[in-house]
Amino acid sequence: MVEQLSYRPCTQNPTYELLANGISVNNGCKAKFRVDYSQESLEVECSSKNGPETCDLDIPEGLVARNVEVVEQFSFRPCTQYPTYELLSNGISVNYGCKAKFQVELTPESVEVECSSNNAPVVCDIVVPEGLVVTNVEMVEQLSYRPCIDYPTVELLANGVSVNNGCKAKFRVEYGSDSLEVECSSKKEPVTCNFDIPEGLAATNIEVVEQFSFRPCTQSPTYEILANGVSVNNGCKAKFRVDYYFAVAG
């Protein structure tokens, strides 16, 4: 417990307890809690000869892969992230003769939090795992007589949920990756390659992951980031990683 907000005491078991996917409170307890996640990971061996190879990951339901690193390299050719290996949503892609054992870190794809207000707005914080951003919030169970409806009664923030006007409910907060990859190429004229950023997020940075063209890909004027895409020019062809951040409340 970070901060008690009620007159009635908040003591662990039976006033509050940690569940597998949330927190249960009782007997008039109202407080701000910090939930620490245990680190989960899995290991997988993956190898390539000439072309890229993808090794699937058996990710438990409710978890998402967020980071990968080499535990042990078996090949003479180096295994370095981008372009030799990279983490996909459900696997690892290796290339250029890389063969190694990889460790993939896993985090929950969502967390449940209970949040309540009287008349003034109350913000219930959540811990956002590194490499992820909050992408959505939905009500799992309404616990108050007063309705819990979208803005302004319920508002999604970058690191929590804000409730107002007597709303009390249990919410599920979903996470998503804080970046995406896109390939884009041009001949002579500018070409724009669109990407699909989740609602409420905005692109903030772009960098070349792998260049495929003989002509150089350098930021401004060869390529640049737009609000919803990448613009390339002058024969640049490359794979780009676009970073984004939480921009507006949902």
Protein backbone atom coordinates (compact mmCIF):
# COMPACT_ATOMS: atom_id res chain seq x y z
CA MET A 1 0.00 0.00 0.00
CA VAL A 2 1.35 3.40 -1.04
CA GLU A 3 -1.25 5.67 0.54
CA GLN A 4 -4.42 5.03 2.59
CA LEU A 5 -7.33 7.25 1.56
CA SER A 6 -10.05 5.97 3.92
CA TYR A 7 -10.72 6.39 7.62
CA ARG A 8 -11.20 2.66 7.99
CA PRO A 9 -7.91 0.78 8.12
CA CYS A 10 -6.43 -0.99 5.11
CA THR A 11 -4.54 -4.07 6.28
CA GLN A 12 -3.53 -6.99 4.13
CA ASN A 13 -5.78 -10.02 4.63
CA PRO A 14 -8.68 -9.58 5.04
CA THR A 15 -9.06 -5.86 4.22
CA TYR A 16 -7.17 -6.17 0.94
CA GLU A 17 -5.48 -8.97 -0.91
CA LEU A 18 -3.59 -9.52 -4.13
CA LEU A 19 -5.28 -11.67 -6.76
CA ALA A 20 -3.79 -13.20 -9.90
CA ASN A 21 -5.03 -10.32 -12.04
CA GLY A 22 -6.06 -7.58 -9.62
CA ILE A 23 -6.58 -6.36 -6.05
CA SER A 24 -9.57 -7.10 -3.82
CA VAL A 25 -10.52 -4.54 -1.13
CA ASN A 26 -13.17 -4.81 1.59
CA ASN A 27 -14.68 -3.25 4.76
CA GLY A 28 -14.45 0.37 3.63
CA CYS A 29 -10.78 0.29 2.68
CA LYS A 30 -9.76 2.89 0.11
CA ALA A 31 -6.10 3.23 -0.84
CA LYS A 32 -3.46 3.60 -3.52
CA PHE A 33 -1.57 0.35 -4.10
CA ARG A 34 1.64 -0.50 -5.91
CA VAL A 35 1.70 -3.89 -7.58
CA ASP A 36 5.12 -5.39 -8.34
CA TYR A 37 5.35 -7.91 -11.17
CA SER A 38 7.48 -11.02 -10.92
CA GLN A 39 9.81 -11.35 -13.89
CA GLU A 40 8.86 -14.20 -16.20
CA SER A 41 10.88 -15.39 -19.16
CA LEU A 42 11.42 -18.32 -21.48
CA GLU A 43 14.38 -19.60 -23.47
CA VAL A 44 14.48 -20.77 -27.07
CA GLU A 45 17.20 -21.83 -29.50
CA CYS A 46 17.03 -20.45 -33.02
CA SER A 47 19.33 -20.64 -36.05
CA SER A 48 19.59 -19.59 -39.67
CA LYS A 49 21.78 -20.50 -42.61
CA ASN A 50 21.40 -18.01 -45.43
CA GLY A 51 17.88 -16.62 -45.31
CA PRO A 52 15.83 -15.47 -42.34
CA GLU A 53 14.27 -18.10 -40.09
CA THR A 54 11.48 -17.61 -37.55
CA CYS A 55 11.30 -19.66 -34.35
CA ASP A 56 7.89 -19.59 -32.70
CA LEU A 57 7.42 -18.86 -29.01
CA ASP A 58 4.95 -20.65 -26.75
CA ILE A 59 3.80 -17.63 -24.76
CA PRO A 60 1.35 -18.33 -21.91
CA GLU A 61 -2.06 -16.71 -22.23
CA GLY A 62 -2.19 -13.26 -20.69
CA LEU A 63 1.49 -12.49 -21.24
CA VAL A 64 3.35 -10.69 -24.03
CA ALA A 65 6.98 -10.76 -25.12
CA ARG A 66 8.72 -7.44 -24.57
CA ASN A 67 12.46 -8.02 -24.80
CA VAL A 68 14.96 -10.57 -26.14
CA GLU A 69 18.66 -11.07 -25.54
CA VAL A 70 21.31 -13.65 -26.41
CA VAL A 71 22.09 -16.09 -23.59
CA GLU A 72 24.61 -18.22 -25.50
CA GLN A 73 25.88 -17.91 -29.08
CA PHE A 74 26.63 -21.12 -31.00
CA SER A 75 27.60 -19.72 -34.43
CA PHE A 76 30.84 -18.20 -35.70
CA ARG A 77 28.84 -15.44 -37.34
CA PRO A 78 27.80 -12.77 -34.86
CA CYS A 79 24.31 -12.54 -33.36
CA THR A 80 23.53 -8.87 -32.88
CA GLN A 81 20.08 -7.37 -32.58
CA TYR A 82 18.95 -5.64 -35.80
CA PRO A 83 19.45 -7.05 -38.34
CA THR A 84 20.83 -10.44 -37.21
CA TYR A 85 17.93 -11.18 -34.87
CA GLU A 86 14.75 -9.47 -33.74
CA LEU A 87 11.76 -10.13 -31.54
CA LEU A 88 8.38 -10.62 -33.23
CA SER A 89 4.97 -10.70 -31.58
CA ASN A 90 5.00 -14.51 -31.44
CA GLY A 91 8.57 -15.54 -32.23
CA ILE A 92 12.19 -14.66 -32.92
CA SER A 93 13.57 -13.98 -36.39
CA VAL A 94 17.25 -14.78 -37.01
CA ASN A 95 19.33 -14.19 -40.13
CA TYR A 96 22.84 -14.19 -41.64
CA GLY A 97 23.98 -17.46 -40.06
CA CYS A 98 23.18 -16.55 -36.49
CA LYS A 99 22.59 -19.50 -34.13
CA ALA A 100 22.00 -18.88 -30.45
CA LYS A 101 19.98 -19.49 -27.32
CA PHE A 102 17.75 -16.50 -26.55
CA GLN A 103 15.97 -15.39 -23.41
CA VAL A 104 12.64 -13.66 -23.94
CA GLU A 105 11.19 -11.55 -21.14
CA LEU A 106 7.43 -11.66 -20.64
CA THR A 107 5.04 -9.23 -18.99
CA PRO A 108 1.26 -9.19 -18.44
CA GLU A 109 -0.74 -7.84 -21.38
CA SER A 110 -3.23 -6.30 -18.96
CA VAL A 111 -3.84 -5.64 -15.28
CA GLU A 112 -6.99 -5.08 -13.27
CA VAL A 113 -7.35 -2.17 -10.87
CA GLU A 114 -10.19 -1.01 -8.65
CA CYS A 115 -10.76 2.73 -8.53
CA SER A 116 -13.37 4.86 -6.74
CA SER A 117 -14.28 8.52 -6.23
CA ASN A 118 -16.78 10.53 -4.23
CA ASN A 119 -17.21 13.86 -5.97
CA ALA A 120 -13.67 14.95 -6.80
CA PRO A 121 -11.54 13.19 -9.42
CA VAL A 122 -9.32 10.36 -8.15
CA VAL A 123 -6.36 8.93 -10.09
CA CYS A 124 -5.48 5.26 -9.55
CA ASP A 125 -1.92 4.70 -10.69
CA ILE A 126 -0.64 1.57 -12.37
CA VAL A 127 2.88 0.35 -13.06
CA VAL A 128 3.57 0.24 -16.80
CA PRO A 129 6.25 -2.35 -17.69
CA GLU A 130 9.29 -1.06 -19.53
CA GLY A 131 8.87 -1.17 -23.30
CA LEU A 132 5.07 -0.98 -23.13
CA VAL A 133 2.46 1.76 -23.09
CA VAL A 134 -1.15 1.89 -21.88
CA THR A 135 -3.40 1.43 -24.90
CA ASN A 136 -6.91 0.84 -23.57
CA VAL A 137 -9.09 0.67 -20.49
CA GLU A 138 -12.45 -1.02 -20.08
CA MET A 139 -14.75 -1.53 -17.13
CA VAL A 140 -14.95 -5.09 -15.86
CA GLU A 141 -17.45 -4.52 -13.04
CA GLN A 142 -19.29 -1.42 -11.80
CA LEU A 143 -19.41 -1.24 -7.99
CA SER A 144 -21.22 2.09 -7.48
CA TYR A 145 -24.82 3.21 -7.88
CA ARG A 146 -23.66 6.21 -9.86
CA PRO A 147 -22.87 5.32 -13.47
CA CYS A 148 -19.32 4.84 -14.73
CA ILE A 149 -19.29 6.07 -18.31
CA ASP A 150 -16.58 7.39 -20.57
CA TYR A 151 -15.08 10.86 -20.28
CA PRO A 152 -15.43 12.78 -18.03
CA THR A 153 -16.49 10.11 -15.52
CA VAL A 154 -13.73 7.69 -16.56
CA GLU A 155 -10.53 8.77 -18.27
CA LEU A 156 -7.48 6.82 -19.39
CA LEU A 157 -4.16 8.42 -18.46
CA ALA A 158 -0.62 7.57 -19.45
CA ASN A 159 -0.01 5.68 -16.22
CA GLY A 160 -3.42 5.08 -14.67
CA VAL A 161 -7.16 5.59 -14.60
CA SER A 162 -9.02 8.70 -13.43
CA VAL A 163 -12.58 8.39 -12.08
CA ASN A 164 -15.03 11.10 -11.01
CA ASN A 165 -18.63 11.82 -9.96
CA GLY A 166 -18.98 8.89 -7.55
CA CYS A 167 -17.87 6.21 -9.96
CA LYS A 168 -16.43 3.06 -8.37
CA ALA A 169 -15.50 0.16 -10.59
CA LYS A 170 -13.02 -2.53 -11.46
CA PHE A 171 -11.13 -1.76 -14.69
CA ARG A 172 -8.91 -3.80 -16.96
CA VAL A 173 -5.99 -1.77 -18.32
CA GLU A 174 -4.36 -3.14 -21.47
CA TYR A 175 -0.75 -2.71 -22.52
CA GLY A 176 0.81 -2.62 -25.97
CA SER A 177 4.25 -2.29 -27.50
CA ASP A 178 5.79 1.18 -27.56
CA SER A 179 7.15 0.72 -31.11
CA LEU A 180 6.44 -0.85 -34.48
CA GLU A 181 8.41 -1.72 -37.60
CA VAL A 182 7.64 -0.84 -41.20
CA GLU A 183 9.46 -1.32 -44.52
CA CYS A 184 9.41 1.51 -47.03
CA SER A 185 11.16 2.18 -50.33
CA SER A 186 11.38 4.79 -53.06
CA LYS A 187 12.93 5.14 -56.48
CA LYS A 188 13.23 8.83 -57.24
CA GLU A 189 10.03 10.46 -56.08
CA PRO A 190 8.91 10.61 -52.45
CA VAL A 191 6.85 7.65 -51.21
CA THR A 192 4.78 7.54 -48.03
CA CYS A 193 4.27 4.25 -46.17
CA ASN A 194 1.47 4.43 -43.65
CA PHE A 195 1.49 2.65 -40.29
CA ASP A 196 -1.28 1.88 -37.86
CA ILE A 197 -0.67 3.45 -34.43
CA PRO A 198 -3.15 2.57 -31.67
CA GLU A 199 -5.66 5.29 -30.83
CA GLY A 200 -4.39 7.73 -28.23
CA LEU A 201 -0.71 7.25 -29.15
CA ALA A 202 1.56 9.43 -31.26
CA ALA A 203 4.78 8.73 -33.16
CA THR A 204 7.77 10.39 -31.55
CA ASN A 205 10.93 8.92 -33.10
CA ILE A 206 12.12 6.89 -36.09
CA GLU A 207 15.34 5.08 -36.87
CA VAL A 208 16.67 2.71 -39.52
CA VAL A 209 16.74 -0.93 -38.40
CA GLU A 210 18.08 -2.37 -41.66
CA GLN A 211 18.98 -0.66 -44.95
CA PHE A 212 18.28 -2.57 -48.18
CA SER A 213 19.31 0.03 -50.78
CA PHE A 214 22.73 1.06 -52.10
CA ARG A 215 21.71 4.69 -51.80
CA PRO A 216 21.99 5.94 -48.23
CA CYS A 217 19.02 6.32 -45.90
CA THR A 218 19.65 9.34 -43.71
CA GLN A 219 17.04 11.26 -41.80
CA SER A 220 15.99 14.48 -43.51
CA PRO A 221 15.83 14.60 -46.46
CA THR A 222 16.09 10.88 -47.36
CA TYR A 223 13.42 9.81 -44.86
CA GLU A 224 11.23 11.49 -42.29
CA ILE A 225 8.49 10.60 -39.86
CA LEU A 226 4.94 11.83 -40.43
CA ALA A 227 1.92 11.74 -38.12
CA ASN A 228 0.83 8.35 -39.43
CA GLY A 229 3.56 7.18 -41.76
CA VAL A 230 7.12 7.28 -43.06
CA SER A 231 8.20 9.29 -46.08
CA VAL A 232 11.24 8.07 -48.06
CA ASN A 233 12.99 9.62 -51.05
CA ASN A 234 16.00 9.44 -53.37
CA GLY A 235 16.14 5.64 -53.68
CA CYS A 236 16.13 4.85 -49.98
CA LYS A 237 14.79 1.40 -49.07
CA ALA A 238 14.89 0.25 -45.46
CA LYS A 239 13.14 -1.24 -42.45
CA PHE A 240 12.31 1.41 -39.88
CA ARG A 241 11.38 1.26 -36.21
CA VAL A 242 8.89 3.87 -35.08
CA ASP A 243 8.62 4.71 -31.37
CA TYR A 244 5.43 6.16 -30.00
CA TYR A 245 4.08 7.44 -26.71
CA PHE A 246 0.80 8.06 -24.92
CA ALA A 247 -0.58 11.32 -26.31
CA VAL A 248 -4.21 11.85 -25.32
CA ALA A 249 -6.74 10.34 -22.97
CA GLY A 250 -9.07 7.80 -24.53
